[in-house]
Amino acid sequence: MKTLPYIVFSFIMLCALCTSINSYNRTENMIAQDVNRALEQVLAKMPDNVVTTDTIRCYRNYLTIAELKDTAGIAMRTVRRDGRWETKMVAEANYGFAATFMMSDQKASGSLMFVGMMWLLGSLWYVKRKRPELVAQGLAYGGIVLNGDKFMTLSGEQIRLTPMQHSLLEMFMLTDTHTLSKQEICDRLWPKKPDASDTLYTLVRRIKPIIEAHSSLKIESDRGKSYSLKLK
């Protein structure tokens, strides 16, 4: 499955992102709890709701996170409670996103990102190493390799085809010009059928998306007289 390495890489990076966000949120909550706890202690000691220099100094002394002692402050906010407006003190950390992120523990997410990058690089190396082997073993054109009796992509994935689709693609691959006349295809695939035009049309219509999905090739028609397997 050629998309499996990318699915695994995406899953690992998603886990890294979720771990990073979770760590950031924990740190943000820890900061909020610290400033609110410090404010509660200040209000217990100075309950007059007046913010002075001593109030701020006392408030910062109660903080347990050292990084907040130079930024945290107290603000007066007007809030509506029980239909009445009242003024209350609120704690403010004044700590930005970047500072909070740097404070958070990102070791787990960093490790996951490292594993994801190593997985991606390893997968790309494996595909690159395997590609020359496939090409050397079979006939290759436009990203499709005819290896024995199987059609493969350059990454080693087998292209699933019906017997008729396999025969048609094999004819295209083994022809030097990769062009086949309509009559030539019908005579080879349906020798006993007087008029196989509709059957050929259906066969080509169904194999087109398969070829285009697994390679850089496409099938083009020349006014219904011939079909060509060409690079996109």
Protein backbone atom coordinates (compact mmCIF):
# COMPACT_ATOMS: atom_id res chain seq x y z
CA MET A 1 0.00 0.00 0.00
CA LYS A 2 1.83 3.09 -1.21
CA THR A 3 -0.07 5.50 1.03
CA LEU A 4 0.61 3.56 4.26
CA PRO A 5 3.91 5.36 5.08
CA TYR A 6 2.20 8.73 4.70
CA ILE A 7 -0.79 7.63 6.78
CA VAL A 8 1.54 6.48 9.58
CA PHE A 9 3.54 9.74 9.30
CA SER A 10 0.36 11.82 9.49
CA PHE A 11 -0.85 9.82 12.51
CA ILE A 12 2.44 10.31 14.37
CA MET A 13 2.48 14.04 13.61
CA LEU A 14 -1.16 14.33 14.73
CA CYS A 15 -0.24 12.63 18.00
CA ALA A 16 2.66 15.06 18.38
CA LEU A 17 0.35 18.02 17.79
CA CYS A 18 -2.26 16.76 20.27
CA THR A 19 0.45 16.11 22.87
CA SER A 20 1.86 19.60 22.34
CA ILE A 21 -1.56 21.25 22.70
CA ASN A 22 -2.34 19.19 25.79
CA SER A 23 0.95 20.23 27.42
CA TYR A 24 0.32 23.87 26.53
CA ASN A 25 -3.19 23.76 28.01
CA ARG A 26 -1.89 22.17 31.24
CA THR A 27 0.70 24.94 31.57
CA GLU A 28 -1.91 27.61 30.86
CA ASN A 29 -4.19 26.15 33.55
CA MET A 30 -1.28 25.92 35.98
CA ILE A 31 -0.52 29.63 35.42
CA ALA A 32 -4.17 30.58 35.90
CA GLN A 33 -4.38 28.57 39.14
CA ASP A 34 -1.19 30.14 40.46
CA VAL A 35 -2.24 33.77 39.89
CA ASN A 36 -5.75 33.14 41.21
CA ARG A 37 -4.40 31.44 44.34
CA ALA A 38 -2.01 34.33 44.91
CA LEU A 39 -4.86 36.82 44.55
CA GLU A 40 -6.98 34.89 47.07
CA GLN A 41 -4.15 35.07 49.57
CA VAL A 42 -3.75 38.81 48.96
CA LEU A 43 -7.48 39.46 49.41
CA ALA A 44 -7.44 37.47 52.63
CA LYS A 45 -4.68 39.71 53.90
CA MET A 46 -5.82 43.00 52.29
CA PRO A 47 -9.60 42.80 51.88
CA ASP A 48 -10.19 46.48 51.09
CA ASN A 49 -10.17 46.03 47.25
CA VAL A 50 -7.61 48.79 46.79
CA VAL A 51 -4.69 48.07 44.49
CA THR A 52 -1.49 49.67 45.68
CA THR A 53 2.21 49.06 45.19
CA ASP A 54 2.23 46.99 48.36
CA THR A 55 -0.71 44.96 47.07
CA ILE A 56 1.16 44.09 43.84
CA ARG A 57 4.37 43.33 45.76
CA CYS A 58 2.54 41.05 48.16
CA TYR A 59 0.64 39.42 45.29
CA ARG A 60 3.83 38.59 43.41
CA ASN A 61 5.47 37.22 46.53
CA TYR A 62 2.67 34.66 46.79
CA LEU A 63 3.28 33.40 43.23
CA THR A 64 5.01 30.03 43.05
CA ILE A 65 5.95 30.22 39.35
CA ALA A 66 9.11 32.32 39.16
CA GLU A 67 8.52 33.38 35.55
CA LEU A 68 5.32 35.20 36.55
CA LYS A 69 6.83 37.40 39.25
CA ASP A 70 7.85 40.09 36.76
CA THR A 71 4.73 40.04 34.59
CA ALA A 72 1.69 39.16 36.71
CA GLY A 73 -0.57 41.93 37.90
CA ILE A 74 -3.96 42.77 39.35
CA ALA A 75 -6.72 44.59 37.47
CA MET A 76 -10.06 45.99 38.48
CA ARG A 77 -12.95 44.66 36.38
CA THR A 78 -16.60 45.69 36.36
CA VAL A 79 -18.88 42.65 36.15
CA ARG A 80 -22.64 42.16 36.32
CA ARG A 81 -23.79 39.88 39.11
CA ASP A 82 -27.41 39.25 40.18
CA GLY A 83 -28.58 42.17 38.05
CA ARG A 84 -26.11 44.59 39.64
CA TRP A 85 -22.80 45.96 38.46
CA GLU A 86 -19.88 45.51 40.80
CA THR A 87 -16.13 46.01 40.69
CA LYS A 88 -13.82 43.19 41.58
CA MET A 89 -10.14 42.38 41.47
CA VAL A 90 -8.94 39.85 38.92
CA ALA A 91 -5.52 38.28 38.56
CA GLU A 92 -3.70 38.68 35.28
CA ALA A 93 -0.68 36.63 34.31
CA ASN A 94 0.26 38.86 31.36
CA TYR A 95 2.10 35.89 29.92
CA GLY A 96 1.93 35.55 26.13
CA PHE A 97 1.54 32.51 23.91
CA ALA A 98 5.24 32.16 23.12
CA ALA A 99 6.28 32.43 26.77
CA THR A 100 3.62 29.92 27.85
CA PHE A 101 4.69 27.54 25.09
CA MET A 102 8.34 27.78 26.14
CA MET A 103 7.35 27.05 29.73
CA SER A 104 5.29 24.00 28.77
CA ASP A 105 6.90 20.57 28.60
CA GLN A 106 7.23 19.77 24.91
CA LYS A 107 9.64 16.82 25.26
CA ALA A 108 7.02 14.18 24.43
CA SER A 109 5.70 16.04 21.39
CA GLY A 110 9.27 16.75 20.23
CA SER A 111 10.13 13.06 20.51
CA LEU A 112 7.04 12.13 18.50
CA MET A 113 7.94 14.67 15.81
CA PHE A 114 11.45 13.22 15.65
CA VAL A 115 10.06 9.70 15.29
CA GLY A 116 7.69 10.91 12.57
CA MET A 117 10.46 12.57 10.58
CA MET A 118 12.67 9.48 10.90
CA TRP A 119 9.76 7.33 9.70
CA LEU A 120 9.17 9.59 6.70
CA LEU A 121 12.86 9.72 5.75
CA GLY A 122 13.15 5.95 6.18
CA SER A 123 10.09 5.37 4.00
CA LEU A 124 11.40 7.67 1.26
CA TRP A 125 14.78 5.94 1.40
CA TYR A 126 13.13 2.51 1.13
CA VAL A 127 11.04 3.55 -1.88
CA LYS A 128 14.06 5.13 -3.57
CA ARG A 129 16.19 2.04 -2.94
CA LYS A 130 13.51 -0.35 -4.19
CA ARG A 131 12.67 1.64 -7.33
CA PRO A 132 15.85 0.79 -9.31
CA GLU A 133 15.42 -2.90 -8.45
CA LEU A 134 11.92 -2.97 -9.91
CA VAL A 135 12.95 -1.11 -13.04
CA ALA A 136 15.92 -3.41 -13.54
CA GLN A 137 13.75 -6.50 -13.20
CA GLY A 138 10.97 -5.46 -15.58
CA LEU A 139 9.79 -3.18 -18.32
CA ALA A 140 9.04 0.34 -17.07
CA TYR A 141 7.16 3.22 -18.65
CA GLY A 142 5.62 6.30 -17.08
CA GLY A 143 5.73 4.95 -13.53
CA ILE A 144 4.37 1.49 -14.35
CA VAL A 145 6.60 -1.60 -14.27
CA LEU A 146 5.71 -4.88 -15.96
CA ASN A 147 7.47 -7.31 -13.65
CA GLY A 148 6.89 -10.87 -14.78
CA ASP A 149 3.13 -11.28 -14.98
CA LYS A 150 2.35 -8.39 -12.62
CA PHE A 151 2.04 -4.68 -13.08
CA MET A 152 3.67 -2.67 -10.29
CA THR A 153 4.16 0.97 -9.40
CA LEU A 154 7.68 2.28 -8.84
CA SER A 155 7.05 2.08 -5.10
CA GLY A 156 6.41 -1.67 -5.38
CA GLU A 157 2.62 -1.63 -5.09
CA GLN A 158 0.82 -4.14 -7.29
CA ILE A 159 -1.75 -2.65 -9.66
CA ARG A 160 -4.94 -4.70 -9.48
CA LEU A 161 -6.37 -5.39 -12.93
CA THR A 162 -8.92 -7.73 -14.44
CA PRO A 163 -7.56 -10.26 -16.95
CA MET A 164 -8.77 -8.16 -19.91
CA GLN A 165 -7.35 -4.96 -18.42
CA HIS A 166 -4.06 -6.74 -17.83
CA SER A 167 -3.93 -7.97 -21.42
CA LEU A 168 -4.67 -4.52 -22.83
CA LEU A 169 -2.07 -2.78 -20.69
CA GLU A 170 0.46 -5.47 -21.56
CA MET A 171 -0.14 -4.84 -25.25
CA PHE A 172 0.49 -1.11 -24.74
CA MET A 173 3.66 -1.77 -22.75
CA LEU A 174 5.13 -4.26 -25.19
CA THR A 175 4.50 -2.09 -28.25
CA ASP A 176 7.43 0.22 -29.03
CA THR A 177 5.21 3.19 -29.88
CA HIS A 178 2.69 2.40 -27.12
CA THR A 179 0.00 2.92 -29.76
CA LEU A 180 -2.49 0.28 -30.86
CA SER A 181 -5.13 0.38 -33.54
CA LYS A 182 -8.69 -0.37 -32.57
CA GLN A 183 -8.76 -3.34 -34.92
CA GLU A 184 -5.51 -4.72 -33.56
CA ILE A 185 -6.85 -4.71 -30.01
CA CYS A 186 -10.17 -6.30 -30.99
CA ASP A 187 -8.46 -9.03 -33.03
CA ARG A 188 -6.15 -9.86 -30.12
CA LEU A 189 -8.65 -9.77 -27.26
CA TRP A 190 -11.89 -10.86 -28.99
CA PRO A 191 -10.85 -12.80 -32.09
CA LYS A 192 -14.22 -14.52 -32.49
CA LYS A 193 -16.39 -11.45 -31.98
CA PRO A 194 -17.51 -9.74 -35.24
CA ASP A 195 -17.76 -6.25 -33.73
CA ALA A 196 -16.16 -5.62 -30.36
CA SER A 197 -16.20 -1.81 -30.54
CA ASP A 198 -18.55 -1.33 -27.61
CA THR A 199 -16.70 -3.88 -25.52
CA LEU A 200 -13.38 -2.16 -26.25
CA TYR A 201 -14.84 1.24 -25.39
CA THR A 202 -16.05 -0.09 -22.02
CA LEU A 203 -12.68 -1.73 -21.34
CA VAL A 204 -10.76 1.48 -22.08
CA ARG A 205 -13.19 3.58 -20.04
CA ARG A 206 -12.71 1.36 -16.99
CA ILE A 207 -8.94 1.02 -17.18
CA LYS A 208 -8.28 4.75 -17.67
CA PRO A 209 -8.77 5.83 -14.03
CA ILE A 210 -6.69 2.89 -12.80
CA ILE A 211 -3.72 3.83 -14.98
CA GLU A 212 -3.99 7.52 -14.14
CA ALA A 213 -4.20 6.81 -10.41
CA HIS A 214 -1.01 4.73 -10.35
CA SER A 215 1.21 6.44 -12.91
CA SER A 216 1.92 9.53 -14.98
CA LEU A 217 0.25 7.95 -18.00
CA LYS A 218 -3.08 8.36 -19.75
CA ILE A 219 -4.88 6.70 -22.65
CA GLU A 220 -5.77 8.92 -25.59
CA SER A 221 -8.01 8.08 -28.54
CA ASP A 222 -7.33 9.10 -32.12
CA ARG A 223 -10.83 9.56 -33.52
CA GLY A 224 -11.74 6.06 -32.45
CA LYS A 225 -9.21 4.52 -34.86
CA SER A 226 -6.42 3.91 -32.38
CA TYR A 227 -5.48 4.28 -28.72
CA SER A 228 -2.19 5.53 -27.30
CA LEU A 229 -0.63 5.21 -23.89
CA LYS A 230 1.03 8.59 -23.33
CA LEU A 231 2.67 10.60 -20.60
CA LYS A 232 0.38 13.20 -19.02
